[in-house]
Amino acid sequence: MSEKVYTKNAPDAIGPYSQAVKSGNLVFTSGQIAINPATGNVEATTIEEQTHQVCKNLTEVLKAAGTSIDKAVKTVCFLKNMEDFAAFNNIYGEYFTSKPARSCVAAKQLPKDVLVEVEVIAEL
């Protein structure tokens, strides 16, 4: 049996999906982009600013699920431009200090034309 996760401290889903779903001893987040939950807009313009916002959003979703970013076991990262990989990695590493398994791919286009999107699987 699964349970939907919701927090007002992260952006609302912009489609027919949940911010995250708990199933068994895991939580699966939807991809988070750099939407500021206070305004509902993408305000950050650089890869660094957007990565910080994405990681803050993920932190809040995981907190609402009863876990934390430190319990991440797998992430999937999407970059609009692989030339941003090093800058993205620097900020990502500040948040994901437990070094979960990760995939990182370039995507031709992301929702709302953002530069980065990240989804997480974490233990509860």
PDB file of N, CA and C in Angstrom:
ATOM      1  N   MET A   1       0.847  -1.184   0.000  1.00  0.00           N
ATOM      2  CA  MET A   1       0.000   0.000   0.000  1.00  0.00           C
ATOM      3  C   MET A   1       0.887   1.240   0.000  1.00  0.00           C
ATOM      4  N   SER A   2       0.568   2.188  -0.824  1.00  0.00           N
ATOM      5  CA  SER A   2       1.366   3.408  -0.901  1.00  0.00           C
ATOM      6  C   SER A   2       0.601   4.584  -0.304  1.00  0.00           C
ATOM      7  N   GLU A   3       1.371   5.614   0.032  1.00  0.00           N
ATOM      8  CA  GLU A   3       0.805   6.813   0.653  1.00  0.00           C
ATOM      9  C   GLU A   3       1.370   8.039  -0.050  1.00  0.00           C
ATOM     10  N   LYS A   4       0.506   8.958  -0.446  1.00  0.00           N
ATOM     11  CA  LYS A   4       0.929  10.195  -1.093  1.00  0.00           C
ATOM     12  C   LYS A   4       1.541  11.131  -0.062  1.00  0.00           C
ATOM     13  N   VAL A   5       2.519  11.905  -0.501  1.00  0.00           N
ATOM     14  CA  VAL A   5       3.194  12.878   0.359  1.00  0.00           C
ATOM     15  C   VAL A   5       2.905  14.270  -0.186  1.00  0.00           C
ATOM     16  N   TYR A   6       2.595  15.205   0.708  1.00  0.00           N
ATOM     17  CA  TYR A   6       2.374  16.592   0.299  1.00  0.00           C
ATOM     18  C   TYR A   6       2.900  17.535   1.371  1.00  0.00           C
ATOM     19  N   THR A   7       3.536  18.608   0.925  1.00  0.00           N
ATOM     20  CA  THR A   7       3.913  19.704   1.813  1.00  0.00           C
ATOM     21  C   THR A   7       3.724  21.025   1.076  1.00  0.00           C
ATOM     22  N   LYS A   8       3.273  22.023   1.809  1.00  0.00           N
ATOM     23  CA  LYS A   8       3.158  23.361   1.221  1.00  0.00           C
ATOM     24  C   LYS A   8       4.524  24.038   1.142  1.00  0.00           C
ATOM     25  N   ASN A   9       5.555  23.426   1.740  1.00  0.00           N
ATOM     26  CA  ASN A   9       6.899  23.998   1.737  1.00  0.00           C
ATOM     27  C   ASN A   9       7.703  23.638   0.496  1.00  0.00           C
ATOM     28  N   ALA A  10       7.055  22.959  -0.439  1.00  0.00           N
ATOM     29  CA  ALA A  10       7.652  22.645  -1.736  1.00  0.00           C
ATOM     30  C   ALA A  10       6.599  22.962  -2.794  1.00  0.00           C
ATOM     31  N   PRO A  11       7.014  23.120  -4.032  1.00  0.00           N
ATOM     32  CA  PRO A  11       6.046  23.471  -5.075  1.00  0.00           C
ATOM     33  C   PRO A  11       4.966  22.405  -5.251  1.00  0.00           C
ATOM     34  N   ASP A  12       3.758  22.864  -5.535  1.00  0.00           N
ATOM     35  CA  ASP A  12       2.701  21.938  -5.895  1.00  0.00           C
ATOM     36  C   ASP A  12       3.078  21.241  -7.197  1.00  0.00           C
ATOM     37  N   ALA A  13       2.591  20.029  -7.373  1.00  0.00           N
ATOM     38  CA  ALA A  13       2.794  19.322  -8.637  1.00  0.00           C
ATOM     39  C   ALA A  13       2.146  20.137  -9.754  1.00  0.00           C
ATOM     40  N   ILE A  14       2.819  20.192 -10.896  1.00  0.00           N
ATOM     41  CA  ILE A  14       2.280  20.968 -12.017  1.00  0.00           C
ATOM     42  C   ILE A  14       1.587  20.061 -13.037  1.00  0.00           C
ATOM     43  N   GLY A  15       1.217  18.889 -12.589  1.00  0.00           N
ATOM     44  CA  GLY A  15       0.520  17.929 -13.432  1.00  0.00           C
ATOM     45  C   GLY A  15      -0.184  16.907 -12.564  1.00  0.00           C
ATOM     46  N   PRO A  16      -0.672  15.829 -13.175  1.00  0.00           N
ATOM     47  CA  PRO A  16      -1.414  14.805 -12.432  1.00  0.00           C
ATOM     48  C   PRO A  16      -0.482  13.804 -11.740  1.00  0.00           C
ATOM     49  N   TYR A  17       0.242  14.281 -10.749  1.00  0.00           N
ATOM     50  CA  TYR A  17       1.159  13.438  -9.988  1.00  0.00           C
ATOM     51  C   TYR A  17       1.334  14.013  -8.585  1.00  0.00           C
ATOM     52  N   SER A  18       1.998  13.255  -7.722  1.00  0.00           N
ATOM     53  CA  SER A  18       2.231  13.662  -6.335  1.00  0.00           C
ATOM     54  C   SER A  18       3.647  14.180  -6.165  1.00  0.00           C
ATOM     55  N   GLN A  19       3.866  14.973  -5.136  1.00  0.00           N
ATOM     56  CA  GLN A  19       5.229  15.412  -4.824  1.00  0.00           C
ATOM     57  C   GLN A  19       6.111  14.213  -4.519  1.00  0.00           C
ATOM     58  N   ALA A  20       5.537  13.220  -3.847  1.00  0.00           N
ATOM     59  CA  ALA A  20       6.253  11.990  -3.538  1.00  0.00           C
ATOM     60  C   ALA A  20       5.243  10.929  -3.136  1.00  0.00           C
ATOM     61  N   VAL A  21       5.720   9.682  -3.126  1.00  0.00           N
ATOM     62  CA  VAL A  21       4.905   8.550  -2.698  1.00  0.00           C
ATOM     63  C   VAL A  21       5.758   7.673  -1.793  1.00  0.00           C
ATOM     64  N   LYS A  22       5.180   7.304  -0.643  1.00  0.00           N
ATOM     65  CA  LYS A  22       5.830   6.355   0.257  1.00  0.00           C
ATOM     66  C   LYS A  22       5.295   4.967  -0.060  1.00  0.00           C
ATOM     67  N   SER A  23       6.221   4.015  -0.157  1.00  0.00           N
ATOM     68  CA  SER A  23       5.836   2.636  -0.410  1.00  0.00           C
ATOM     69  C   SER A  23       6.823   1.735   0.328  1.00  0.00           C
ATOM     70  N   GLY A  24       6.301   0.906   1.211  1.00  0.00           N
ATOM     71  CA  GLY A  24       7.188   0.083   2.027  1.00  0.00           C
ATOM     72  C   GLY A  24       8.083   0.972   2.870  1.00  0.00           C
ATOM     73  N   ASN A  25       9.378   0.704   2.830  1.00  0.00           N
ATOM     74  CA  ASN A  25      10.318   1.520   3.609  1.00  0.00           C
ATOM     75  C   ASN A  25      11.055   2.537   2.742  1.00  0.00           C
ATOM     76  N   LEU A  26      10.448   2.880   1.595  1.00  0.00           N
ATOM     77  CA  LEU A  26      11.071   3.841   0.684  1.00  0.00           C
ATOM     78  C   LEU A  26      10.119   4.994   0.370  1.00  0.00           C
ATOM     79  N   VAL A  27      10.707   6.114  -0.001  1.00  0.00           N
ATOM     80  CA  VAL A  27       9.939   7.235  -0.538  1.00  0.00           C
ATOM     81  C   VAL A  27      10.540   7.576  -1.903  1.00  0.00           C
ATOM     82  N   PHE A  28       9.649   7.805  -2.863  1.00  0.00           N
ATOM     83  CA  PHE A  28      10.018   8.130  -4.228  1.00  0.00           C
ATOM     84  C   PHE A  28       9.528   9.547  -4.513  1.00  0.00           C
ATOM     85  N   THR A  29      10.431  10.484  -4.732  1.00  0.00           N
ATOM     86  CA  THR A  29       9.990  11.839  -5.038  1.00  0.00           C
ATOM     87  C   THR A  29       9.769  11.975  -6.538  1.00  0.00           C
ATOM     88  N   SER A  30       8.879  12.861  -6.886  1.00  0.00           N
ATOM     89  CA  SER A  30       8.785  13.274  -8.283  1.00  0.00           C
ATOM     90  C   SER A  30       9.957  14.201  -8.547  1.00  0.00           C
ATOM     91  N   GLY A  31      10.256  14.414  -9.797  1.00  0.00           N
ATOM     92  CA  GLY A  31      11.327  15.347 -10.134  1.00  0.00           C
ATOM     93  C   GLY A  31      10.984  16.733  -9.621  1.00  0.00           C
ATOM     94  N   GLN A  32      11.950  17.352  -8.979  1.00  0.00           N
ATOM     95  CA  GLN A  32      11.769  18.716  -8.490  1.00  0.00           C
ATOM     96  C   GLN A  32      12.552  19.669  -9.379  1.00  0.00           C
ATOM     97  N   ILE A  33      11.915  20.772  -9.710  1.00  0.00           N
ATOM     98  CA  ILE A  33      12.588  21.833 -10.456  1.00  0.00           C
ATOM     99  C   ILE A  33      12.669  23.065  -9.564  1.00  0.00           C
ATOM    100  N   ALA A  34      13.254  24.111 -10.075  1.00  0.00           N
ATOM    101  CA  ALA A  34      13.582  25.280  -9.250  1.00  0.00           C
ATOM    102  C   ALA A  34      12.423  26.254  -9.073  1.00  0.00           C
ATOM    103  N   ILE A  35      11.261  25.735  -8.747  1.00  0.00           N
ATOM    104  CA  ILE A  35      10.119  26.600  -8.446  1.00  0.00           C
ATOM    105  C   ILE A  35      10.216  27.025  -6.988  1.00  0.00           C
ATOM    106  N   ASN A  36      10.101  28.308  -6.742  1.00  0.00           N
ATOM    107  CA  ASN A  36      10.052  28.822  -5.376  1.00  0.00           C
ATOM    108  C   ASN A  36       8.639  28.553  -4.859  1.00  0.00           C
ATOM    109  N   PRO A  37       8.492  27.744  -3.792  1.00  0.00           N
ATOM    110  CA  PRO A  37       7.141  27.405  -3.334  1.00  0.00           C
ATOM    111  C   PRO A  37       6.359  28.609  -2.803  1.00  0.00           C
ATOM    112  N   ALA A  38       7.043  29.657  -2.375  1.00  0.00           N
ATOM    113  CA  ALA A  38       6.359  30.842  -1.856  1.00  0.00           C
ATOM    114  C   ALA A  38       5.654  31.623  -2.960  1.00  0.00           C
ATOM    115  N   THR A  39       6.234  31.592  -4.165  1.00  0.00           N
ATOM    116  CA  THR A  39       5.671  32.375  -5.267  1.00  0.00           C
ATOM    117  C   THR A  39       5.073  31.519  -6.380  1.00  0.00           C
ATOM    118  N   GLY A  40       5.488  30.249  -6.440  1.00  0.00           N
ATOM    119  CA  GLY A  40       5.037  29.381  -7.522  1.00  0.00           C
ATOM    120  C   GLY A  40       5.737  29.643  -8.839  1.00  0.00           C
ATOM    121  N   ASN A  41       6.822  30.424  -8.783  1.00  0.00           N
ATOM    122  CA  ASN A  41       7.551  30.782  -9.998  1.00  0.00           C
ATOM    123  C   ASN A  41       8.995  30.296  -9.950  1.00  0.00           C
ATOM    124  N   VAL A  42       9.583  30.176 -11.131  1.00  0.00           N
ATOM    125  CA  VAL A  42      11.021  29.924 -11.234  1.00  0.00           C
ATOM    126  C   VAL A  42      11.686  31.297 -11.222  1.00  0.00           C
ATOM    127  N   GLU A  43      12.414  31.586 -10.148  1.00  0.00           N
ATOM    128  CA  GLU A  43      13.049  32.895 -10.011  1.00  0.00           C
ATOM    129  C   GLU A  43      14.555  32.819 -10.223  1.00  0.00           C
ATOM    130  N   ALA A  44      15.149  31.678  -9.912  1.00  0.00           N
ATOM    131  CA  ALA A  44      16.594  31.501 -10.058  1.00  0.00           C
ATOM    132  C   ALA A  44      16.939  31.388 -11.536  1.00  0.00           C
ATOM    133  N   THR A  45      18.070  31.985 -11.910  1.00  0.00           N
ATOM    134  CA  THR A  45      18.440  31.985 -13.324  1.00  0.00           C
ATOM    135  C   THR A  45      19.730  31.212 -13.629  1.00  0.00           C
ATOM    136  N   THR A  46      20.586  31.012 -12.633  1.00  0.00           N
ATOM    137  CA  THR A  46      21.839  30.293 -12.883  1.00  0.00           C
ATOM    138  C   THR A  46      21.700  28.838 -12.455  1.00  0.00           C
ATOM    139  N   ILE A  47      22.576  27.987 -12.954  1.00  0.00           N
ATOM    140  CA  ILE A  47      22.563  26.585 -12.568  1.00  0.00           C
ATOM    141  C   ILE A  47      22.787  26.446 -11.068  1.00  0.00           C
ATOM    142  N   GLU A  48      23.638  27.269 -10.500  1.00  0.00           N
ATOM    143  CA  GLU A  48      23.904  27.199  -9.060  1.00  0.00           C
ATOM    144  C   GLU A  48      22.652  27.551  -8.258  1.00  0.00           C
ATOM    145  N   GLU A  49      22.003  28.657  -8.611  1.00  0.00           N
ATOM    146  CA  GLU A  49      20.791  29.084  -7.899  1.00  0.00           C
ATOM    147  C   GLU A  49      19.676  28.052  -8.054  1.00  0.00           C
ATOM    148  N   GLN A  50      19.520  27.530  -9.256  1.00  0.00           N
ATOM    149  CA  GLN A  50      18.464  26.548  -9.489  1.00  0.00           C
ATOM    150  C   GLN A  50      18.743  25.247  -8.744  1.00  0.00           C
ATOM    151  N   THR A  51      20.002  24.826  -8.695  1.00  0.00           N
ATOM    152  CA  THR A  51      20.338  23.599  -7.969  1.00  0.00           C
ATOM    153  C   THR A  51      20.053  23.765  -6.485  1.00  0.00           C
ATOM    154  N   HIS A  52      20.397  24.905  -5.913  1.00  0.00           N
ATOM    155  CA  HIS A  52      20.070  25.169  -4.506  1.00  0.00           C
ATOM    156  C   HIS A  52      18.561  25.067  -4.282  1.00  0.00           C
ATOM    157  N   GLN A  53      17.756  25.686  -5.145  1.00  0.00           N
ATOM    158  CA  GLN A  53      16.302  25.661  -4.977  1.00  0.00           C
ATOM    159  C   GLN A  53      15.758  24.243  -5.100  1.00  0.00           C
ATOM    160  N   VAL A  54      16.253  23.493  -6.075  1.00  0.00           N
ATOM    161  CA  VAL A  54      15.826  22.101  -6.252  1.00  0.00           C
ATOM    162  C   VAL A  54      16.125  21.294  -4.989  1.00  0.00           C
ATOM    163  N   CYS A  55      17.332  21.446  -4.463  1.00  0.00           N
ATOM    164  CA  CYS A  55      17.723  20.686  -3.266  1.00  0.00           C
ATOM    165  C   CYS A  55      16.924  21.111  -2.038  1.00  0.00           C
ATOM    166  N   LYS A  56      16.596  22.383  -1.937  1.00  0.00           N
ATOM    167  CA  LYS A  56      15.736  22.841  -0.835  1.00  0.00           C
ATOM    168  C   LYS A  56      14.342  22.230  -0.969  1.00  0.00           C
ATOM    169  N   ASN A  57      13.816  22.193  -2.185  1.00  0.00           N
ATOM    170  CA  ASN A  57      12.501  21.600  -2.415  1.00  0.00           C
ATOM    171  C   ASN A  57      12.514  20.116  -2.056  1.00  0.00           C
ATOM    172  N   LEU A  58      13.544  19.407  -2.484  1.00  0.00           N
ATOM    173  CA  LEU A  58      13.649  17.983  -2.168  1.00  0.00           C
ATOM    174  C   LEU A  58      13.763  17.758  -0.664  1.00  0.00           C
ATOM    175  N   THR A  59      14.524  18.608   0.007  1.00  0.00           N
ATOM    176  CA  THR A  59      14.669  18.495   1.459  1.00  0.00           C
ATOM    177  C   THR A  59      13.311  18.592   2.136  1.00  0.00           C
ATOM    178  N   GLU A  60      12.470  19.522   1.690  1.00  0.00           N
ATOM    179  CA  GLU A  60      11.141  19.704   2.284  1.00  0.00           C
ATOM    180  C   GLU A  60      10.204  18.536   1.980  1.00  0.00           C
ATOM    181  N   VAL A  61      10.249  18.023   0.771  1.00  0.00           N
ATOM    182  CA  VAL A  61       9.402  16.881   0.418  1.00  0.00           C
ATOM    183  C   VAL A  61       9.809  15.660   1.238  1.00  0.00           C
ATOM    184  N   LEU A  62      11.107  15.412   1.337  1.00  0.00           N
ATOM    185  CA  LEU A  62      11.584  14.264   2.120  1.00  0.00           C
ATOM    186  C   LEU A  62      11.239  14.421   3.597  1.00  0.00           C
ATOM    187  N   LYS A  63      11.336  15.638   4.110  1.00  0.00           N
ATOM    188  CA  LYS A  63      10.959  15.904   5.506  1.00  0.00           C
ATOM    189  C   LYS A  63       9.483  15.585   5.728  1.00  0.00           C
ATOM    190  N   ALA A  64       8.640  16.000   4.797  1.00  0.00           N
ATOM    191  CA  ALA A  64       7.204  15.727   4.907  1.00  0.00           C
ATOM    192  C   ALA A  64       6.919  14.224   4.858  1.00  0.00           C
ATOM    193  N   ALA A  65       7.786  13.481   4.206  1.00  0.00           N
ATOM    194  CA  ALA A  65       7.627  12.031   4.114  1.00  0.00           C
ATOM    195  C   ALA A  65       8.138  11.320   5.360  1.00  0.00           C
ATOM    196  N   GLY A  66       8.822  12.055   6.239  1.00  0.00           N
ATOM    197  CA  GLY A  66       9.358  11.459   7.452  1.00  0.00           C
ATOM    198  C   GLY A  66      10.776  10.955   7.315  1.00  0.00           C
ATOM    199  N   THR A  67      11.503  11.490   6.353  1.00  0.00           N
ATOM    200  CA  THR A  67      12.892  11.094   6.147  1.00  0.00           C
ATOM    201  C   THR A  67      13.726  12.336   5.857  1.00  0.00           C
ATOM    202  N   SER A  68      14.906  12.146   5.313  1.00  0.00           N
ATOM    203  CA  SER A  68      15.770  13.293   5.027  1.00  0.00           C
ATOM    204  C   SER A  68      16.642  13.010   3.815  1.00  0.00           C
ATOM    205  N   ILE A  69      17.253  14.043   3.335  1.00  0.00           N
ATOM    206  CA  ILE A  69      18.146  13.945   2.182  1.00  0.00           C
ATOM    207  C   ILE A  69      19.347  13.043   2.499  1.00  0.00           C
ATOM    208  N   ASP A  70      19.697  12.928   3.784  1.00  0.00           N
ATOM    209  CA  ASP A  70      20.805  12.055   4.195  1.00  0.00           C
ATOM    210  C   ASP A  70      20.478  10.583   4.003  1.00  0.00           C
ATOM    211  N   LYS A  71      19.194  10.258   3.857  1.00  0.00           N
ATOM    212  CA  LYS A  71      18.791   8.865   3.670  1.00  0.00           C
ATOM    213  C   LYS A  71      18.527   8.525   2.205  1.00  0.00           C
ATOM    214  N   ALA A  72      18.933   9.421   1.304  1.00  0.00           N
ATOM    215  CA  ALA A  72      18.788   9.154  -0.127  1.00  0.00           C
ATOM    216  C   ALA A  72      19.662   7.965  -0.514  1.00  0.00           C
ATOM    217  N   VAL A  73      19.091   7.062  -1.305  1.00  0.00           N
ATOM    218  CA  VAL A  73      19.859   5.921  -1.802  1.00  0.00           C
ATOM    219  C   VAL A  73      20.094   6.010  -3.304  1.00  0.00           C
ATOM    220  N   LYS A  74      19.291   6.808  -4.002  1.00  0.00           N
ATOM    221  CA  LYS A  74      19.437   6.950  -5.450  1.00  0.00           C
ATOM    222  C   LYS A  74      18.859   8.277  -5.891  1.00  0.00           C
ATOM    223  N   THR A  75      19.562   8.955  -6.780  1.00  0.00           N
ATOM    224  CA  THR A  75      19.033  10.163  -7.402  1.00  0.00           C
ATOM    225  C   THR A  75      19.128  10.023  -8.917  1.00  0.00           C
ATOM    226  N   VAL A  76      18.232  10.696  -9.585  1.00  0.00           N
ATOM    227  CA  VAL A  76      18.291  10.816 -11.034  1.00  0.00           C
ATOM    228  C   VAL A  76      18.269  12.312 -11.329  1.00  0.00           C
ATOM    229  N   CYS A  77      19.280  12.769 -12.043  1.00  0.00           N
ATOM    230  CA  CYS A  77      19.469  14.195 -12.300  1.00  0.00           C
ATOM    231  C   CYS A  77      19.396  14.466 -13.795  1.00  0.00           C
ATOM    232  N   PHE A  78      18.696  15.521 -14.148  1.00  0.00           N
ATOM    233  CA  PHE A  78      18.540  15.929 -15.539  1.00  0.00           C
ATOM    234  C   PHE A  78      19.095  17.337 -15.681  1.00  0.00           C
ATOM    235  N   LEU A  79      20.010  17.529 -16.590  1.00  0.00           N
ATOM    236  CA  LEU A  79      20.587  18.846 -16.857  1.00  0.00           C
ATOM    237  C   LEU A  79      20.214  19.268 -18.268  1.00  0.00           C
ATOM    238  N   LYS A  80      19.873  20.514 -18.421  1.00  0.00           N
ATOM    239  CA  LYS A  80      19.586  21.040 -19.761  1.00  0.00           C
ATOM    240  C   LYS A  80      20.862  21.073 -20.588  1.00  0.00           C
ATOM    241  N   ASN A  81      21.991  21.321 -19.910  1.00  0.00           N
ATOM    242  CA  ASN A  81      23.260  21.464 -20.612  1.00  0.00           C
ATOM    243  C   ASN A  81      24.355  20.758 -19.818  1.00  0.00           C
ATOM    244  N   MET A  82      24.994  19.771 -20.387  1.00  0.00           N
ATOM    245  CA  MET A  82      26.055  19.044 -19.692  1.00  0.00           C
ATOM    246  C   MET A  82      27.261  19.923 -19.373  1.00  0.00           C
ATOM    247  N   GLU A  83      27.355  21.071 -19.997  1.00  0.00           N
ATOM    248  CA  GLU A  83      28.431  22.009 -19.650  1.00  0.00           C
ATOM    249  C   GLU A  83      28.243  22.543 -18.226  1.00  0.00           C
ATOM    250  N   ASP A  84      27.048  22.394 -17.663  1.00  0.00           N
ATOM    251  CA  ASP A  84      26.766  22.820 -16.291  1.00  0.00           C
ATOM    252  C   ASP A  84      27.106  21.737 -15.267  1.00  0.00           C
ATOM    253  N   PHE A  85      27.619  20.591 -15.714  1.00  0.00           N
ATOM    254  CA  PHE A  85      27.833  19.442 -14.834  1.00  0.00           C
ATOM    255  C   PHE A  85      28.702  19.779 -13.620  1.00  0.00           C
ATOM    256  N   ALA A  86      29.817  20.424 -13.813  1.00  0.00           N
ATOM    257  CA  ALA A  86      30.727  20.732 -12.694  1.00  0.00           C
ATOM    258  C   ALA A  86      30.070  21.682 -11.694  1.00  0.00           C
ATOM    259  N   ALA A  87      29.430  22.727 -12.185  1.00  0.00           N
ATOM    260  CA  ALA A  87      28.768  23.683 -11.288  1.00  0.00           C
ATOM    261  C   ALA A  87      27.622  23.002 -10.538  1.00  0.00           C
ATOM    262  N   PHE A  88      26.850  22.189 -11.242  1.00  0.00           N
ATOM    263  CA  PHE A  88      25.766  21.433 -10.612  1.00  0.00           C
ATOM    264  C   PHE A  88      26.329  20.512  -9.527  1.00  0.00           C
ATOM    265  N   ASN A  89      27.381  19.788  -9.868  1.00  0.00           N
ATOM    266  CA  ASN A  89      27.993  18.831  -8.939  1.00  0.00           C
ATOM    267  C   ASN A  89      28.450  19.502  -7.647  1.00  0.00           C
ATOM    268  N   ASN A  90      29.010  20.694  -7.759  1.00  0.00           N
ATOM    269  CA  ASN A  90      29.484  21.412  -6.569  1.00  0.00           C
ATOM    270  C   ASN A  90      28.350  21.679  -5.587  1.00  0.00           C
ATOM    271  N   ILE A  91      27.225  22.147  -6.080  1.00  0.00           N
ATOM    272  CA  ILE A  91      26.077  22.447  -5.203  1.00  0.00           C
ATOM    273  C   ILE A  91      25.425  21.147  -4.734  1.00  0.00           C
ATOM    274  N   TYR A  92      25.214  20.220  -5.642  1.00  0.00           N
ATOM    275  CA  TYR A  92      24.617  18.919  -5.310  1.00  0.00           C
ATOM    276  C   TYR A  92      25.387  18.268  -4.160  1.00  0.00           C
ATOM    277  N   GLY A  93      26.705  18.308  -4.220  1.00  0.00           N
ATOM    278  CA  GLY A  93      27.552  17.694  -3.199  1.00  0.00           C
ATOM    279  C   GLY A  93      27.400  18.317  -1.820  1.00  0.00           C
ATOM    280  N   GLU A  94      26.966  19.571  -1.754  1.00  0.00           N
ATOM    281  CA  GLU A  94      26.722  20.221  -0.460  1.00  0.00           C
ATOM    282  C   GLU A  94      25.512  19.607   0.245  1.00  0.00           C
ATOM    283  N   TYR A  95      24.556  19.114  -0.517  1.00  0.00           N
ATOM    284  CA  TYR A  95      23.317  18.563   0.038  1.00  0.00           C
ATOM    285  C   TYR A  95      23.385  17.045   0.187  1.00  0.00           C
ATOM    286  N   PHE A  96      23.884  16.366  -0.820  1.00  0.00           N
ATOM    287  CA  PHE A  96      23.905  14.906  -0.828  1.00  0.00           C
ATOM    288  C   PHE A  96      25.261  14.401  -0.332  1.00  0.00           C
ATOM    289  N   THR A  97      25.522  14.657   0.941  1.00  0.00           N
ATOM    290  CA  THR A  97      26.813  14.305   1.528  1.00  0.00           C
ATOM    291  C   THR A  97      26.964  12.801   1.760  1.00  0.00           C
ATOM    292  N   SER A  98      25.846  12.067   1.758  1.00  0.00           N
ATOM    293  CA  SER A  98      25.910  10.617   1.936  1.00  0.00           C
ATOM    294  C   SER A  98      26.286   9.897   0.635  1.00  0.00           C
ATOM    295  N   LYS A  99      26.378  10.640  -0.448  1.00  0.00           N
ATOM    296  CA  LYS A  99      26.784  10.125  -1.765  1.00  0.00           C
ATOM    297  C   LYS A  99      25.949   8.928  -2.229  1.00  0.00           C
ATOM    298  N   PRO A 100      24.644   9.146  -2.456  1.00  0.00           N
ATOM    299  CA  PRO A 100      23.802   8.059  -2.958  1.00  0.00           C
ATOM    300  C   PRO A 100      24.194   7.677  -4.384  1.00  0.00           C
ATOM    301  N   ALA A 101      23.727   6.526  -4.838  1.00  0.00           N
ATOM    302  CA  ALA A 101      23.891   6.166  -6.244  1.00  0.00           C
ATOM    303  C   ALA A 101      23.203   7.247  -7.083  1.00  0.00           C
ATOM    304  N   ARG A 102      23.702   7.461  -8.311  1.00  0.00           N
ATOM    305  CA  ARG A 102      23.152   8.569  -9.091  1.00  0.00           C
ATOM    306  C   ARG A 102      23.289   8.320 -10.577  1.00  0.00           C
ATOM    307  N   SER A 103      22.314   8.781 -11.312  1.00  0.00           N
ATOM    308  CA  SER A 103      22.395   8.899 -12.761  1.00  0.00           C
ATOM    309  C   SER A 103      22.266  10.381 -13.076  1.00  0.00           C
ATOM    310  N   CYS A 104      22.963  10.838 -14.096  1.00  0.00           N
ATOM    311  CA  CYS A 104      22.863  12.243 -14.504  1.00  0.00           C
ATOM    312  C   CYS A 104      22.918  12.288 -16.021  1.00  0.00           C
ATOM    313  N   VAL A 105      21.871  12.814 -16.616  1.00  0.00           N
ATOM    314  CA  VAL A 105      21.781  12.859 -18.068  1.00  0.00           C
ATOM    315  C   VAL A 105      21.401  14.257 -18.541  1.00  0.00           C
ATOM    316  N   ALA A 106      21.719  14.531 -19.780  1.00  0.00           N
ATOM    317  CA  ALA A 106      21.288  15.779 -20.404  1.00  0.00           C
ATOM    318  C   ALA A 106      19.895  15.559 -20.988  1.00  0.00           C
ATOM    319  N   ALA A 107      19.053  16.557 -20.840  1.00  0.00           N
ATOM    320  CA  ALA A 107      17.703  16.518 -21.389  1.00  0.00           C
ATOM    321  C   ALA A 107      17.537  17.716 -22.313  1.00  0.00           C
ATOM    322  N   LYS A 108      16.992  17.494 -23.464  1.00  0.00           N
ATOM    323  CA  LYS A 108      16.840  18.571 -24.439  1.00  0.00           C
ATOM    324  C   LYS A 108      16.041  19.735 -23.878  1.00  0.00           C
ATOM    325  N   GLN A 109      14.957  19.419 -23.157  1.00  0.00           N
ATOM    326  CA  GLN A 109      14.124  20.464 -22.564  1.00  0.00           C
ATOM    327  C   GLN A 109      13.493  19.938 -21.292  1.00  0.00           C
ATOM    328  N   LEU A 110      13.428  20.792 -20.277  1.00  0.00           N
ATOM    329  CA  LEU A 110      12.837  20.446 -18.987  1.00  0.00           C
ATOM    330  C   LEU A 110      11.614  21.340 -18.748  1.00  0.00           C
ATOM    331  N   PRO A 111      10.720  20.924 -17.845  1.00  0.00           N
ATOM    332  CA  PRO A 111       9.533  21.750 -17.578  1.00  0.00           C
ATOM    333  C   PRO A 111       9.899  23.190 -17.215  1.00  0.00           C
ATOM    334  N   LYS A 112       9.099  24.095 -17.694  1.00  0.00           N
ATOM    335  CA  LYS A 112       9.265  25.530 -17.424  1.00  0.00           C
ATOM    336  C   LYS A 112      10.648  26.032 -17.857  1.00  0.00           C
ATOM    337  N   ASP A 113      11.280  25.299 -18.768  1.00  0.00           N
ATOM    338  CA  ASP A 113      12.579  25.662 -19.349  1.00  0.00           C
ATOM    339  C   ASP A 113      13.669  25.848 -18.292  1.00  0.00           C
ATOM    340  N   VAL A 114      13.592  25.066 -17.196  1.00  0.00           N
ATOM    341  CA  VAL A 114      14.618  25.146 -16.155  1.00  0.00           C
ATOM    342  C   VAL A 114      15.902  24.482 -16.617  1.00  0.00           C
ATOM    343  N   LEU A 115      16.948  24.660 -15.826  1.00  0.00           N
ATOM    344  CA  LEU A 115      18.265  24.118 -16.153  1.00  0.00           C
ATOM    345  C   LEU A 115      18.531  22.767 -15.523  1.00  0.00           C
ATOM    346  N   VAL A 116      17.759  22.415 -14.472  1.00  0.00           N
ATOM    347  CA  VAL A 116      18.024  21.183 -13.731  1.00  0.00           C
ATOM    348  C   VAL A 116      16.735  20.626 -13.117  1.00  0.00           C
ATOM    349  N   GLU A 117      16.661  19.308 -13.045  1.00  0.00           N
ATOM    350  CA  GLU A 117      15.590  18.610 -12.353  1.00  0.00           C
ATOM    351  C   GLU A 117      16.217  17.402 -11.655  1.00  0.00           C
ATOM    352  N   VAL A 118      15.766  17.118 -10.431  1.00  0.00           N
ATOM    353  CA  VAL A 118      16.310  15.993  -9.665  1.00  0.00           C
ATOM    354  C   VAL A 118      15.169  15.239  -8.992  1.00  0.00           C
ATOM    355  N   GLU A 119      15.242  13.909  -9.041  1.00  0.00           N
ATOM    356  CA  GLU A 119      14.316  13.066  -8.294  1.00  0.00           C
ATOM    357  C   GLU A 119      15.124  12.170  -7.370  1.00  0.00           C
ATOM    358  N   VAL A 120      14.495  11.719  -6.277  1.00  0.00           N
ATOM    359  CA  VAL A 120      15.203  10.981  -5.225  1.00  0.00           C
ATOM    360  C   VAL A 120      14.399   9.756  -4.806  1.00  0.00           C
ATOM    361  N   ILE A 121      15.120   8.697  -4.505  1.00  0.00           N
ATOM    362  CA  ILE A 121      14.581   7.556  -3.769  1.00  0.00           C
ATOM    363  C   ILE A 121      15.335   7.544  -2.442  1.00  0.00           C
ATOM    364  N   ALA A 122      14.591   7.528  -1.330  1.00  0.00           N
ATOM    365  CA  ALA A 122      15.215   7.554  -0.010  1.00  0.00           C
ATOM    366  C   ALA A 122      14.575   6.513   0.903  1.00  0.00           C
ATOM    367  N   GLU A 123      15.346   6.084   1.886  1.00  0.00           N
ATOM    368  CA  GLU A 123      14.834   5.186   2.902  1.00  0.00           C
ATOM    369  C   GLU A 123      14.053   5.989   3.932  1.00  0.00           C
ATOM    370  N   LEU A 124      13.054   5.358   4.522  1.00  0.00           N
ATOM    371  CA  LEU A 124      12.298   6.001   5.593  1.00  0.00           C
ATOM    372  C   LEU A 124      12.967   5.746   6.927  1.00  0.00           C
TER     373      LEU A 124
END
